[in-house]
């Protein structure tokens, strides 16, 4: 199952009104299953504009797309129940998840074009406000995601992990970063989909920022070569290095 960081942030009340409105309008559009759960949750938002926008956006999603999405393992059971009560059920054979959003608002003129061809992604991000950074985390380029995954705001950094454009290679590179927030590493480690990638497991295990309990758990999946390297790595916590040394010794017996 792919994580849904924006959904979890919304449930915790961490997403400000301007961002919630953009999600409700489809301007911030994460993966299909997460987007659907966000829109359903926003139907109960305290702000009437947001409730109305979420309702309108849901109403514009083709029924066939809804039915296909509802069969995904990424869709919470409560969301399936919501639509089942309205006579919309998962389509037969729709068990796989989709990385594509169900619906996206049309960009306003010039919104997704570079203001200056000479401007770097870092310069573009530097002039962005909070809601613009969240939007860029979900819809922006690979270069922007590499910057925003290290954003001081946890919501912005986690929004990168909700991007439908995100690739496994990017996740693997984030797993190695020691300058991301701990929640990013916890989310990557908690994804059954992402930890199927051995490079992600190695990156998390050798990342000194990864919580020790997670590193110790992931260590059991390392091959002998990587265990030996971990046992000699002075950048990781001593307990992890000792545990790797002991396990490597046991493997060689």
C-alpha atoms as a PDB file:
ATOM      1  CA  UNK A   1       0.000   0.000   0.000  1.00  0.00           C
ATOM      2  CA  UNK A   2       1.275   3.450  -0.926  1.00  0.00           C
ATOM      3  CA  UNK A   3       1.333   6.035   1.903  1.00  0.00           C
ATOM      4  CA  UNK A   4      -1.121   8.935   1.960  1.00  0.00           C
ATOM      5  CA  UNK A   5       0.785  11.717   3.783  1.00  0.00           C
ATOM      6  CA  UNK A   6      -1.534  14.563   2.778  1.00  0.00           C
ATOM      7  CA  UNK A   7      -4.550  12.640   4.018  1.00  0.00           C
ATOM      8  CA  UNK A   8      -2.897  11.970   7.367  1.00  0.00           C
ATOM      9  CA  UNK A   9      -1.872  15.641   7.681  1.00  0.00           C
ATOM     10  CA  UNK A  10      -5.458  16.696   6.987  1.00  0.00           C
ATOM     11  CA  UNK A  11      -6.774  14.338   9.642  1.00  0.00           C
ATOM     12  CA  UNK A  12      -4.341  15.867  12.139  1.00  0.00           C
ATOM     13  CA  UNK A  13      -5.527  19.375  11.292  1.00  0.00           C
ATOM     14  CA  UNK A  14      -2.127  20.423   9.916  1.00  0.00           C
ATOM     15  CA  UNK A  15      -3.285  21.734   6.528  1.00  0.00           C
ATOM     16  CA  UNK A  16      -4.258  25.381   6.339  1.00  0.00           C
ATOM     17  CA  UNK A  17      -7.408  26.694   4.681  1.00  0.00           C
ATOM     18  CA  UNK A  18      -5.793  27.852   1.405  1.00  0.00           C
ATOM     19  CA  UNK A  19      -4.285  24.423   0.790  1.00  0.00           C
ATOM     20  CA  UNK A  20      -7.508  22.610   1.721  1.00  0.00           C
ATOM     21  CA  UNK A  21      -9.368  24.730  -0.815  1.00  0.00           C
ATOM     22  CA  UNK A  22      -6.881  23.847  -3.555  1.00  0.00           C
ATOM     23  CA  UNK A  23      -7.234  20.154  -2.721  1.00  0.00           C
ATOM     24  CA  UNK A  24     -11.025  20.505  -2.775  1.00  0.00           C
ATOM     25  CA  UNK A  25     -10.876  22.193  -6.180  1.00  0.00           C
ATOM     26  CA  UNK A  26      -8.526  19.553  -7.620  1.00  0.00           C
ATOM     27  CA  UNK A  27      -5.667  22.038  -8.023  1.00  0.00           C
ATOM     28  CA  UNK A  28      -3.575  19.899  -5.668  1.00  0.00           C
ATOM     29  CA  UNK A  29      -4.156  16.394  -6.949  1.00  0.00           C
ATOM     30  CA  UNK A  30      -2.247  13.470  -5.384  1.00  0.00           C
ATOM     31  CA  UNK A  31      -2.644   9.801  -6.338  1.00  0.00           C
ATOM     32  CA  UNK A  32      -6.161   8.643  -7.097  1.00  0.00           C
ATOM     33  CA  UNK A  33      -6.906   6.734  -3.893  1.00  0.00           C
ATOM     34  CA  UNK A  34      -5.569   9.493  -1.655  1.00  0.00           C
ATOM     35  CA  UNK A  35      -7.310  12.205  -3.657  1.00  0.00           C
ATOM     36  CA  UNK A  36     -10.651  10.443  -3.312  1.00  0.00           C
ATOM     37  CA  UNK A  37     -10.224  10.046   0.454  1.00  0.00           C
ATOM     38  CA  UNK A  38      -9.218  13.717   0.781  1.00  0.00           C
ATOM     39  CA  UNK A  39     -12.267  14.926  -1.138  1.00  0.00           C
ATOM     40  CA  UNK A  40     -14.633  12.808   0.948  1.00  0.00           C
ATOM     41  CA  UNK A  41     -13.048  14.107   4.158  1.00  0.00           C
ATOM     42  CA  UNK A  42     -13.320  17.714   2.935  1.00  0.00           C
ATOM     43  CA  UNK A  43     -17.087  17.314   2.545  1.00  0.00           C
ATOM     44  CA  UNK A  44     -17.135  17.889   6.317  1.00  0.00           C
ATOM     45  CA  UNK A  45     -14.700  20.808   6.363  1.00  0.00           C
ATOM     46  CA  UNK A  46     -15.613  23.733   8.679  1.00  0.00           C
ATOM     47  CA  UNK A  47     -15.399  26.116   5.701  1.00  0.00           C
ATOM     48  CA  UNK A  48     -18.525  26.115   3.496  1.00  0.00           C
ATOM     49  CA  UNK A  49     -16.500  27.080   0.403  1.00  0.00           C
ATOM     50  CA  UNK A  50     -14.280  24.053   0.844  1.00  0.00           C
ATOM     51  CA  UNK A  51     -17.232  21.720   1.405  1.00  0.00           C
ATOM     52  CA  UNK A  52     -18.901  23.036  -1.741  1.00  0.00           C
ATOM     53  CA  UNK A  53     -15.715  22.791  -3.814  1.00  0.00           C
ATOM     54  CA  UNK A  54     -15.089  19.201  -2.682  1.00  0.00           C
ATOM     55  CA  UNK A  55     -18.667  18.257  -3.551  1.00  0.00           C
ATOM     56  CA  UNK A  56     -18.385  19.858  -7.002  1.00  0.00           C
ATOM     57  CA  UNK A  57     -15.057  18.141  -7.696  1.00  0.00           C
ATOM     58  CA  UNK A  58     -16.410  14.746  -6.680  1.00  0.00           C
ATOM     59  CA  UNK A  59     -19.403  15.357  -8.920  1.00  0.00           C
ATOM     60  CA  UNK A  60     -17.107  15.903 -11.918  1.00  0.00           C
ATOM     61  CA  UNK A  61     -15.327  12.563 -11.556  1.00  0.00           C
ATOM     62  CA  UNK A  62     -16.704  10.064 -14.111  1.00  0.00           C
ATOM     63  CA  UNK A  63     -18.536   7.171 -12.463  1.00  0.00           C
ATOM     64  CA  UNK A  64     -16.362   4.654 -14.300  1.00  0.00           C
ATOM     65  CA  UNK A  65     -13.215   6.262 -12.837  1.00  0.00           C
ATOM     66  CA  UNK A  66     -14.732   6.193  -9.353  1.00  0.00           C
ATOM     67  CA  UNK A  67     -15.638   2.526  -9.644  1.00  0.00           C
ATOM     68  CA  UNK A  68     -12.161   1.624 -10.874  1.00  0.00           C
ATOM     69  CA  UNK A  69     -10.471   3.599  -8.078  1.00  0.00           C
ATOM     70  CA  UNK A  70     -12.661   2.129  -5.335  1.00  0.00           C
ATOM     71  CA  UNK A  71     -11.198  -1.306  -5.989  1.00  0.00           C
ATOM     72  CA  UNK A  72      -7.707  -0.095  -5.081  1.00  0.00           C
ATOM     73  CA  UNK A  73      -6.124  -1.239  -1.838  1.00  0.00           C
ATOM     74  CA  UNK A  74      -5.138   2.409  -1.289  1.00  0.00           C
ATOM     75  CA  UNK A  75      -8.765   3.459  -0.735  1.00  0.00           C
ATOM     76  CA  UNK A  76      -9.850   3.389   2.945  1.00  0.00           C
ATOM     77  CA  UNK A  77     -12.806   1.157   3.796  1.00  0.00           C
ATOM     78  CA  UNK A  78     -14.753   4.167   5.050  1.00  0.00           C
ATOM     79  CA  UNK A  79     -14.524   5.785   1.613  1.00  0.00           C
ATOM     80  CA  UNK A  80     -15.849   2.616  -0.038  1.00  0.00           C
ATOM     81  CA  UNK A  81     -18.729   2.623   2.452  1.00  0.00           C
ATOM     82  CA  UNK A  82     -19.443   6.279   1.639  1.00  0.00           C
ATOM     83  CA  UNK A  83     -19.870   5.506  -2.061  1.00  0.00           C
ATOM     84  CA  UNK A  84     -21.601   2.163  -1.493  1.00  0.00           C
ATOM     85  CA  UNK A  85     -24.344   4.074   0.340  1.00  0.00           C
ATOM     86  CA  UNK A  86     -24.761   6.060  -2.879  1.00  0.00           C
ATOM     87  CA  UNK A  87     -24.885   2.994  -5.104  1.00  0.00           C
ATOM     88  CA  UNK A  88     -21.299   3.216  -6.372  1.00  0.00           C
ATOM     89  CA  UNK A  89     -19.229   0.069  -5.793  1.00  0.00           C
ATOM     90  CA  UNK A  90     -15.793  -1.097  -6.962  1.00  0.00           C
ATOM     91  CA  UNK A  91     -15.634  -2.324 -10.542  1.00  0.00           C
ATOM     92  CA  UNK A  92     -14.819  -6.001 -11.010  1.00  0.00           C
ATOM     93  CA  UNK A  93     -11.087  -6.625 -11.372  1.00  0.00           C
ATOM     94  CA  UNK A  94     -10.034  -3.159 -10.160  1.00  0.00           C
ATOM     95  CA  UNK A  95      -7.746  -4.248  -7.329  1.00  0.00           C
ATOM     96  CA  UNK A  96      -4.555  -2.479  -8.409  1.00  0.00           C
ATOM     97  CA  UNK A  97      -3.745   1.067  -7.317  1.00  0.00           C
ATOM     98  CA  UNK A  98      -3.284   3.959  -9.721  1.00  0.00           C
ATOM     99  CA  UNK A  99      -0.666   6.661  -9.364  1.00  0.00           C
ATOM    100  CA  UNK A 100      -2.697   9.056 -11.504  1.00  0.00           C
ATOM    101  CA  UNK A 101      -5.101  11.592  -9.940  1.00  0.00           C
ATOM    102  CA  UNK A 102      -8.784  11.053 -10.610  1.00  0.00           C
ATOM    103  CA  UNK A 103      -9.300  14.675 -11.598  1.00  0.00           C
ATOM    104  CA  UNK A 104      -7.195  17.826 -11.869  1.00  0.00           C
ATOM    105  CA  UNK A 105      -8.246  21.448 -12.090  1.00  0.00           C
ATOM    106  CA  UNK A 106      -7.176  23.161 -15.282  1.00  0.00           C
ATOM    107  CA  UNK A 107      -4.159  25.424 -14.617  1.00  0.00           C
ATOM    108  CA  UNK A 108      -4.708  29.145 -14.892  1.00  0.00           C
ATOM    109  CA  UNK A 109      -2.912  30.921 -17.720  1.00  0.00           C
ATOM    110  CA  UNK A 110       0.825  30.843 -17.168  1.00  0.00           C
ATOM    111  CA  UNK A 111       0.588  28.937 -13.885  1.00  0.00           C
ATOM    112  CA  UNK A 112       2.740  25.985 -14.899  1.00  0.00           C
ATOM    113  CA  UNK A 113       5.208  27.850 -17.101  1.00  0.00           C
ATOM    114  CA  UNK A 114       8.579  29.168 -16.039  1.00  0.00           C
ATOM    115  CA  UNK A 115       8.562  32.875 -15.192  1.00  0.00           C
ATOM    116  CA  UNK A 116      12.118  33.047 -16.384  1.00  0.00           C
ATOM    117  CA  UNK A 117      13.995  30.501 -18.446  1.00  0.00           C
ATOM    118  CA  UNK A 118      17.125  31.457 -16.543  1.00  0.00           C
ATOM    119  CA  UNK A 119      15.510  30.798 -13.156  1.00  0.00           C
ATOM    120  CA  UNK A 120      16.639  27.637 -11.377  1.00  0.00           C
ATOM    121  CA  UNK A 121      14.240  25.316  -9.503  1.00  0.00           C
ATOM    122  CA  UNK A 122      15.805  26.522  -6.247  1.00  0.00           C
ATOM    123  CA  UNK A 123      15.058  30.146  -7.146  1.00  0.00           C
ATOM    124  CA  UNK A 124      11.505  29.240  -8.103  1.00  0.00           C
ATOM    125  CA  UNK A 125      10.931  27.451  -4.793  1.00  0.00           C
ATOM    126  CA  UNK A 126      12.536  30.296  -2.825  1.00  0.00           C
ATOM    127  CA  UNK A 127       9.851  32.768  -3.876  1.00  0.00           C
ATOM    128  CA  UNK A 128       6.957  30.420  -3.135  1.00  0.00           C
ATOM    129  CA  UNK A 129       4.601  30.728  -0.195  1.00  0.00           C
ATOM    130  CA  UNK A 130       3.422  27.764   1.844  1.00  0.00           C
ATOM    131  CA  UNK A 131       0.443  26.754  -0.300  1.00  0.00           C
ATOM    132  CA  UNK A 132       2.494  27.143  -3.493  1.00  0.00           C
ATOM    133  CA  UNK A 133       5.181  24.857  -2.076  1.00  0.00           C
ATOM    134  CA  UNK A 134       2.606  22.191  -1.187  1.00  0.00           C
ATOM    135  CA  UNK A 135       1.234  22.408  -4.712  1.00  0.00           C
ATOM    136  CA  UNK A 136       4.731  22.205  -6.223  1.00  0.00           C
ATOM    137  CA  UNK A 137       5.517  19.201  -4.017  1.00  0.00           C
ATOM    138  CA  UNK A 138       2.591  17.344  -5.588  1.00  0.00           C
ATOM    139  CA  UNK A 139       2.655  18.723  -9.144  1.00  0.00           C
ATOM    140  CA  UNK A 140       6.168  20.068  -9.683  1.00  0.00           C
ATOM    141  CA  UNK A 141       9.253  18.689 -11.367  1.00  0.00           C
ATOM    142  CA  UNK A 142      11.662  16.076 -10.067  1.00  0.00           C
ATOM    143  CA  UNK A 143      14.138  18.873  -9.278  1.00  0.00           C
ATOM    144  CA  UNK A 144      11.549  20.719  -7.215  1.00  0.00           C
ATOM    145  CA  UNK A 145      10.666  17.557  -5.300  1.00  0.00           C
ATOM    146  CA  UNK A 146      14.351  17.041  -4.462  1.00  0.00           C
ATOM    147  CA  UNK A 147      14.354  20.503  -2.876  1.00  0.00           C
ATOM    148  CA  UNK A 148      10.944  20.345  -1.210  1.00  0.00           C
ATOM    149  CA  UNK A 149      11.524  16.954   0.414  1.00  0.00           C
ATOM    150  CA  UNK A 150      13.931  18.902   2.685  1.00  0.00           C
ATOM    151  CA  UNK A 151      11.498  21.765   3.325  1.00  0.00           C
ATOM    152  CA  UNK A 152      11.345  23.055   6.931  1.00  0.00           C
ATOM    153  CA  UNK A 153       7.586  22.449   6.876  1.00  0.00           C
ATOM    154  CA  UNK A 154       6.763  18.796   7.515  1.00  0.00           C
ATOM    155  CA  UNK A 155       3.517  19.175   5.531  1.00  0.00           C
ATOM    156  CA  UNK A 156       5.418  20.341   2.434  1.00  0.00           C
ATOM    157  CA  UNK A 157       8.033  17.600   2.729  1.00  0.00           C
ATOM    158  CA  UNK A 158       5.384  14.922   3.219  1.00  0.00           C
ATOM    159  CA  UNK A 159       3.376  16.262   0.260  1.00  0.00           C
ATOM    160  CA  UNK A 160       6.274  15.197  -1.961  1.00  0.00           C
ATOM    161  CA  UNK A 161       5.542  11.589  -0.972  1.00  0.00           C
ATOM    162  CA  UNK A 162       1.947  12.067  -2.178  1.00  0.00           C
ATOM    163  CA  UNK A 163       3.026  13.173  -5.660  1.00  0.00           C
ATOM    164  CA  UNK A 164       1.671  10.985  -8.461  1.00  0.00           C
ATOM    165  CA  UNK A 165       4.889  11.791 -10.348  1.00  0.00           C
ATOM    166  CA  UNK A 166       7.151  10.328  -7.649  1.00  0.00           C
ATOM    167  CA  UNK A 167       9.358   7.430  -8.807  1.00  0.00           C
ATOM    168  CA  UNK A 168      10.985   4.611  -6.863  1.00  0.00           C
ATOM    169  CA  UNK A 169      14.407   5.986  -7.774  1.00  0.00           C
ATOM    170  CA  UNK A 170      13.477   9.242  -6.064  1.00  0.00           C
ATOM    171  CA  UNK A 171      12.226   7.408  -2.980  1.00  0.00           C
ATOM    172  CA  UNK A 172      15.524   5.510  -2.879  1.00  0.00           C
ATOM    173  CA  UNK A 173      17.462   8.782  -2.977  1.00  0.00           C
ATOM    174  CA  UNK A 174      15.301  10.276  -0.194  1.00  0.00           C
ATOM    175  CA  UNK A 175      15.925   7.180   1.932  1.00  0.00           C
ATOM    176  CA  UNK A 176      19.635   8.050   1.895  1.00  0.00           C
ATOM    177  CA  UNK A 177      19.182  11.724   2.819  1.00  0.00           C
ATOM    178  CA  UNK A 178      20.247  12.678   6.323  1.00  0.00           C
ATOM    179  CA  UNK A 179      18.782  16.186   5.959  1.00  0.00           C
ATOM    180  CA  UNK A 180      15.098  15.242   5.679  1.00  0.00           C
ATOM    181  CA  UNK A 181      12.674  15.211   8.592  1.00  0.00           C
ATOM    182  CA  UNK A 182      12.353  11.958  10.514  1.00  0.00           C
ATOM    183  CA  UNK A 183       8.693  11.632   9.485  1.00  0.00           C
ATOM    184  CA  UNK A 184       9.723  11.308   5.833  1.00  0.00           C
ATOM    185  CA  UNK A 185      11.955   8.351   6.681  1.00  0.00           C
ATOM    186  CA  UNK A 186       9.276   6.780   8.888  1.00  0.00           C
ATOM    187  CA  UNK A 187       6.745   7.053   6.075  1.00  0.00           C
ATOM    188  CA  UNK A 188       9.071   5.485   3.524  1.00  0.00           C
ATOM    189  CA  UNK A 189       9.954   2.670   5.931  1.00  0.00           C
ATOM    190  CA  UNK A 190       6.264   2.085   6.655  1.00  0.00           C
ATOM    191  CA  UNK A 191       5.347   1.550   3.010  1.00  0.00           C
ATOM    192  CA  UNK A 192       5.155  -2.087   1.965  1.00  0.00           C
ATOM    193  CA  UNK A 193       5.397  -0.924  -1.631  1.00  0.00           C
ATOM    194  CA  UNK A 194       8.585   1.087  -1.219  1.00  0.00           C
ATOM    195  CA  UNK A 195      10.508  -1.290   1.042  1.00  0.00           C
ATOM    196  CA  UNK A 196      10.179  -3.994  -1.601  1.00  0.00           C
ATOM    197  CA  UNK A 197      12.956  -2.017  -3.260  1.00  0.00           C
ATOM    198  CA  UNK A 198      16.232  -3.310  -1.808  1.00  0.00           C
ATOM    199  CA  UNK A 199      17.957   0.022  -2.482  1.00  0.00           C
ATOM    200  CA  UNK A 200      15.394   1.747  -0.253  1.00  0.00           C
ATOM    201  CA  UNK A 201      16.090  -0.750   2.538  1.00  0.00           C
ATOM    202  CA  UNK A 202      19.845  -0.194   2.278  1.00  0.00           C
ATOM    203  CA  UNK A 203      19.426   3.575   2.175  1.00  0.00           C
ATOM    204  CA  UNK A 204      17.222   3.661   5.257  1.00  0.00           C
ATOM    205  CA  UNK A 205      19.422   1.274   7.214  1.00  0.00           C
ATOM    206  CA  UNK A 206      22.587   3.262   6.560  1.00  0.00           C
ATOM    207  CA  UNK A 207      20.923   6.638   7.113  1.00  0.00           C
ATOM    208  CA  UNK A 208      21.945   7.978  10.562  1.00  0.00           C
ATOM    209  CA  UNK A 209      18.668   9.942  10.696  1.00  0.00           C
ATOM    210  CA  UNK A 210      16.511   6.790  10.505  1.00  0.00           C
ATOM    211  CA  UNK A 211      15.067   5.898  13.935  1.00  0.00           C
ATOM    212  CA  UNK A 212      17.114   3.073  15.456  1.00  0.00           C
ATOM    213  CA  UNK A 213      14.152   0.711  15.891  1.00  0.00           C
ATOM    214  CA  UNK A 214      13.384   0.952  12.175  1.00  0.00           C
ATOM    215  CA  UNK A 215      17.031   0.460  11.178  1.00  0.00           C
ATOM    216  CA  UNK A 216      17.352  -2.626  13.372  1.00  0.00           C
ATOM    217  CA  UNK A 217      14.208  -4.098  11.858  1.00  0.00           C
ATOM    218  CA  UNK A 218      15.290  -3.408   8.272  1.00  0.00           C
ATOM    219  CA  UNK A 219      18.800  -4.737   8.940  1.00  0.00           C
ATOM    220  CA  UNK A 220      17.448  -8.296   8.883  1.00  0.00           C
ATOM    221  CA  UNK A 221      16.835  -7.902   5.148  1.00  0.00           C
ATOM    222  CA  UNK A 222      20.407  -6.964   4.224  1.00  0.00           C
ATOM    223  CA  UNK A 223      22.677  -9.347   2.356  1.00  0.00           C
ATOM    224  CA  UNK A 224      26.054 -10.365   3.766  1.00  0.00           C
ATOM    225  CA  UNK A 225      27.991  -7.697   1.884  1.00  0.00           C
ATOM    226  CA  UNK A 226      25.777  -4.855   3.066  1.00  0.00           C
ATOM    227  CA  UNK A 227      25.712  -6.203   6.620  1.00  0.00           C
ATOM    228  CA  UNK A 228      29.508  -6.130   6.662  1.00  0.00           C
ATOM    229  CA  UNK A 229      29.559  -2.569   5.325  1.00  0.00           C
ATOM    230  CA  UNK A 230      26.999  -1.513   7.935  1.00  0.00           C
ATOM    231  CA  UNK A 231      29.048  -3.092  10.719  1.00  0.00           C
ATOM    232  CA  UNK A 232      31.959  -0.788   9.779  1.00  0.00           C
ATOM    233  CA  UNK A 233      29.933   2.370   9.166  1.00  0.00           C
ATOM    234  CA  UNK A 234      30.913   4.997  11.765  1.00  0.00           C
ATOM    235  CA  UNK A 235      28.022   7.246  10.751  1.00  0.00           C
ATOM    236  CA  UNK A 236      25.299   4.962  12.116  1.00  0.00           C
ATOM    237  CA  UNK A 237      24.469   4.524  15.825  1.00  0.00           C
ATOM    238  CA  UNK A 238      26.721   2.164  17.790  1.00  0.00           C
ATOM    239  CA  UNK A 239      23.915  -0.308  18.663  1.00  0.00           C
ATOM    240  CA  UNK A 240      23.115  -0.734  14.970  1.00  0.00           C
ATOM    241  CA  UNK A 241      26.755  -1.237  14.034  1.00  0.00           C
ATOM    242  CA  UNK A 242      27.210  -3.825  16.802  1.00  0.00           C
ATOM    243  CA  UNK A 243      24.036  -5.662  15.813  1.00  0.00           C
ATOM    244  CA  UNK A 244      25.178  -5.740  12.188  1.00  0.00           C
ATOM    245  CA  UNK A 245      28.562  -7.112  13.232  1.00  0.00           C
ATOM    246  CA  UNK A 246      26.927  -9.874  15.263  1.00  0.00           C
ATOM    247  CA  UNK A 247      24.515 -10.798  12.481  1.00  0.00           C
ATOM    248  CA  UNK A 248      27.272 -10.762   9.861  1.00  0.00           C
ATOM    249  CA  UNK A 249      29.342 -13.089  12.040  1.00  0.00           C
ATOM    250  CA  UNK A 250      26.383 -15.442  12.332  1.00  0.00           C
ATOM    251  CA  UNK A 251      25.846 -15.456   8.575  1.00  0.00           C
ATOM    252  CA  UNK A 252      29.466 -16.447   7.952  1.00  0.00           C
ATOM    253  CA  UNK A 253      29.303 -19.452  10.277  1.00  0.00           C
END
